[in-house]
Amino acid sequence: MKTQIEECLDGVKKTLISKIIVAYEPVWAISSTVNRQDATSGDCLEMIIFIRKILSDKFGLDAGRIRIIYGGSVNEKDASDFLKNGGVDGLLPGKASLDAKKFIEIVKICEALNK
């Protein structure tokens, strides 16, 4: 994970970091992965802290301007938990975004938490 982040951001200037969004989902939680498991907000928070540390080492205090979102297996049942307890700035729904009713529910959850 550290190597991926460092290589992807190699050469990125501090002046551009407010435009960066890091999307995170563990490979073992991706819906097409054999024997996949759902990630929890706790799993997510642990990695978000790790990602923030890597970003901070590279960009200093400015790293706080980089948004980190959780993607993939998030759905209308766990969206609130990821937003409240997962340390993320937003969500990137995968499969749930293909179902309009589920996606609308996720949007409503985000809106309610943003008030």
C-alpha atoms as a PDB file:
ATOM      1  CA  MET A   1       0.000   0.000   0.000  1.00  0.00           C
ATOM      2  CA  LYS A   2       2.785   2.403   0.933  1.00  0.00           C
ATOM      3  CA  THR A   3       4.644   1.736  -2.307  1.00  0.00           C
ATOM      4  CA  GLN A   4       1.482   2.178  -4.396  1.00  0.00           C
ATOM      5  CA  ILE A   5       0.703   5.539  -2.821  1.00  0.00           C
ATOM      6  CA  GLU A   6       4.272   6.806  -3.049  1.00  0.00           C
ATOM      7  CA  GLU A   7       4.647   5.755  -6.687  1.00  0.00           C
ATOM      8  CA  CYS A   8       1.259   7.179  -7.701  1.00  0.00           C
ATOM      9  CA  LEU A   9       2.036  10.527  -6.100  1.00  0.00           C
ATOM     10  CA  ASP A  10       5.641  10.744  -7.242  1.00  0.00           C
ATOM     11  CA  GLY A  11       6.157  14.154  -8.814  1.00  0.00           C
ATOM     12  CA  VAL A  12       2.839  15.600  -7.604  1.00  0.00           C
ATOM     13  CA  LYS A  13       3.362  19.146  -6.358  1.00  0.00           C
ATOM     14  CA  LYS A  14       1.904  20.403  -3.088  1.00  0.00           C
ATOM     15  CA  THR A  15      -0.044  23.006  -5.027  1.00  0.00           C
ATOM     16  CA  LEU A  16      -2.118  20.224  -6.620  1.00  0.00           C
ATOM     17  CA  ILE A  17      -2.915  18.064  -3.616  1.00  0.00           C
ATOM     18  CA  SER A  18      -6.303  19.654  -2.954  1.00  0.00           C
ATOM     19  CA  LYS A  19      -7.384  18.048  -6.241  1.00  0.00           C
ATOM     20  CA  ILE A  20      -6.354  14.533  -5.166  1.00  0.00           C
ATOM     21  CA  ILE A  21      -8.877  11.982  -3.953  1.00  0.00           C
ATOM     22  CA  VAL A  22      -7.588   8.635  -2.721  1.00  0.00           C
ATOM     23  CA  ALA A  23     -10.095   5.781  -3.050  1.00  0.00           C
ATOM     24  CA  TYR A  24      -9.446   2.823  -0.776  1.00  0.00           C
ATOM     25  CA  GLU A  25     -10.906  -0.668  -0.675  1.00  0.00           C
ATOM     26  CA  PRO A  26      -9.035  -3.760   0.471  1.00  0.00           C
ATOM     27  CA  VAL A  27      -8.561  -6.323  -2.288  1.00  0.00           C
ATOM     28  CA  TRP A  28     -10.139  -8.995  -0.090  1.00  0.00           C
ATOM     29  CA  ALA A  29     -13.400  -6.973   0.029  1.00  0.00           C
ATOM     30  CA  ILE A  30     -13.803  -6.484  -3.731  1.00  0.00           C
ATOM     31  CA  SER A  31     -16.974  -8.228  -4.885  1.00  0.00           C
ATOM     32  CA  SER A  32     -15.203 -10.212  -7.620  1.00  0.00           C
ATOM     33  CA  THR A  33     -12.572 -11.585  -5.210  1.00  0.00           C
ATOM     34  CA  VAL A  34     -12.861 -15.303  -4.411  1.00  0.00           C
ATOM     35  CA  ASN A  35     -13.814 -15.831  -0.740  1.00  0.00           C
ATOM     36  CA  ARG A  36     -14.343 -12.088  -0.322  1.00  0.00           C
ATOM     37  CA  GLN A  37     -15.173 -10.627   3.060  1.00  0.00           C
ATOM     38  CA  ASP A  38     -16.902  -7.395   3.960  1.00  0.00           C
ATOM     39  CA  ALA A  39     -14.619  -4.757   5.408  1.00  0.00           C
ATOM     40  CA  THR A  40     -15.737  -3.053   8.591  1.00  0.00           C
ATOM     41  CA  SER A  41     -15.432   0.579   9.509  1.00  0.00           C
ATOM     42  CA  GLY A  42     -12.706  -0.509  11.935  1.00  0.00           C
ATOM     43  CA  ASP A  43     -10.731  -2.148   9.132  1.00  0.00           C
ATOM     44  CA  CYS A  44     -11.174   1.011   7.132  1.00  0.00           C
ATOM     45  CA  LEU A  45     -10.127   3.361   9.930  1.00  0.00           C
ATOM     46  CA  GLU A  46      -6.919   1.413  10.487  1.00  0.00           C
ATOM     47  CA  MET A  47      -5.933   1.811   6.837  1.00  0.00           C
ATOM     48  CA  ILE A  48      -7.048   5.430   6.633  1.00  0.00           C
ATOM     49  CA  ILE A  49      -4.727   6.250   9.533  1.00  0.00           C
ATOM     50  CA  PHE A  50      -1.917   4.439   7.692  1.00  0.00           C
ATOM     51  CA  ILE A  51      -2.685   6.249   4.423  1.00  0.00           C
ATOM     52  CA  ARG A  52      -2.819   9.629   6.201  1.00  0.00           C
ATOM     53  CA  LYS A  53       0.616   8.906   7.714  1.00  0.00           C
ATOM     54  CA  ILE A  54       2.085   8.178   4.282  1.00  0.00           C
ATOM     55  CA  LEU A  55       0.521  11.343   2.864  1.00  0.00           C
ATOM     56  CA  SER A  56       1.748  13.375   5.829  1.00  0.00           C
ATOM     57  CA  ASP A  57       5.287  12.076   5.400  1.00  0.00           C
ATOM     58  CA  LYS A  58       5.195  13.173   1.768  1.00  0.00           C
ATOM     59  CA  PHE A  59       3.274  16.468   1.963  1.00  0.00           C
ATOM     60  CA  GLY A  60       3.441  17.545   5.607  1.00  0.00           C
ATOM     61  CA  LEU A  61       0.463  19.386   7.072  1.00  0.00           C
ATOM     62  CA  ASP A  62      -0.911  20.037   3.588  1.00  0.00           C
ATOM     63  CA  ALA A  63      -1.743  16.323   3.356  1.00  0.00           C
ATOM     64  CA  GLY A  64      -4.910  17.029   5.330  1.00  0.00           C
ATOM     65  CA  ARG A  65      -6.338  18.620   2.179  1.00  0.00           C
ATOM     66  CA  ILE A  66      -6.307  15.266   0.384  1.00  0.00           C
ATOM     67  CA  ARG A  67      -9.662  13.518   0.574  1.00  0.00           C
ATOM     68  CA  ILE A  68      -9.837   9.788   1.191  1.00  0.00           C
ATOM     69  CA  ILE A  69     -12.946   7.860   0.287  1.00  0.00           C
ATOM     70  CA  TYR A  70     -13.944   4.263   0.855  1.00  0.00           C
ATOM     71  CA  GLY A  71     -15.063   2.432  -2.244  1.00  0.00           C
ATOM     72  CA  GLY A  72     -16.515  -0.740  -3.518  1.00  0.00           C
ATOM     73  CA  SER A  73     -18.497  -2.860  -1.133  1.00  0.00           C
ATOM     74  CA  VAL A  74     -20.127   0.012   0.734  1.00  0.00           C
ATOM     75  CA  ASN A  75     -23.918  -0.173   0.692  1.00  0.00           C
ATOM     76  CA  GLU A  76     -26.992   1.435   2.203  1.00  0.00           C
ATOM     77  CA  LYS A  77     -26.644  -0.737   5.316  1.00  0.00           C
ATOM     78  CA  ASP A  78     -23.085   0.259   6.237  1.00  0.00           C
ATOM     79  CA  ALA A  79     -22.637   3.676   4.610  1.00  0.00           C
ATOM     80  CA  SER A  80     -23.395   5.561   7.820  1.00  0.00           C
ATOM     81  CA  ASP A  81     -20.941   3.449   9.817  1.00  0.00           C
ATOM     82  CA  PHE A  82     -18.123   4.022   7.312  1.00  0.00           C
ATOM     83  CA  LEU A  83     -18.779   7.766   7.310  1.00  0.00           C
ATOM     84  CA  LYS A  84     -19.061   8.064  11.101  1.00  0.00           C
ATOM     85  CA  ASN A  85     -16.396   5.558  12.184  1.00  0.00           C
ATOM     86  CA  GLY A  86     -14.226   4.725   9.184  1.00  0.00           C
ATOM     87  CA  GLY A  87     -12.239   7.958   9.038  1.00  0.00           C
ATOM     88  CA  VAL A  88     -13.223   8.651   5.433  1.00  0.00           C
ATOM     89  CA  ASP A  89     -14.234  11.851   3.694  1.00  0.00           C
ATOM     90  CA  GLY A  90     -16.737  10.151   1.427  1.00  0.00           C
ATOM     91  CA  LEU A  91     -17.838   6.978  -0.304  1.00  0.00           C
ATOM     92  CA  LEU A  92     -17.466   5.397  -3.722  1.00  0.00           C
ATOM     93  CA  PRO A  93     -20.277   2.833  -3.989  1.00  0.00           C
ATOM     94  CA  GLY A  94     -19.657  -0.022  -6.365  1.00  0.00           C
ATOM     95  CA  LYS A  95     -22.358  -2.626  -6.852  1.00  0.00           C
ATOM     96  CA  ALA A  96     -24.857  -0.644  -4.745  1.00  0.00           C
ATOM     97  CA  SER A  97     -24.626   2.222  -7.234  1.00  0.00           C
ATOM     98  CA  LEU A  98     -26.168  -0.019  -9.919  1.00  0.00           C
ATOM     99  CA  ASP A  99     -29.442  -0.178  -7.993  1.00  0.00           C
ATOM    100  CA  ALA A 100     -31.122   3.245  -8.040  1.00  0.00           C
ATOM    101  CA  LYS A 101     -33.033   2.695  -4.780  1.00  0.00           C
ATOM    102  CA  LYS A 102     -29.906   1.611  -2.911  1.00  0.00           C
ATOM    103  CA  PHE A 103     -27.853   4.431  -4.366  1.00  0.00           C
ATOM    104  CA  ILE A 104     -30.477   7.037  -3.465  1.00  0.00           C
ATOM    105  CA  GLU A 105     -30.512   5.691   0.098  1.00  0.00           C
ATOM    106  CA  ILE A 106     -26.721   6.081   0.303  1.00  0.00           C
ATOM    107  CA  VAL A 107     -27.011   9.654  -0.981  1.00  0.00           C
ATOM    108  CA  LYS A 108     -29.683  10.404   1.636  1.00  0.00           C
ATOM    109  CA  ILE A 109     -27.435   8.998   4.378  1.00  0.00           C
ATOM    110  CA  CYS A 110     -24.572  11.206   3.207  1.00  0.00           C
ATOM    111  CA  GLU A 111     -26.814  14.259   3.075  1.00  0.00           C
ATOM    112  CA  ALA A 112     -28.165  13.638   6.588  1.00  0.00           C
ATOM    113  CA  LEU A 113     -24.670  13.285   8.036  1.00  0.00           C
ATOM    114  CA  ASN A 114     -23.489  16.434   6.242  1.00  0.00           C
ATOM    115  CA  LYS A 115     -26.030  18.715   7.960  1.00  0.00           C
END
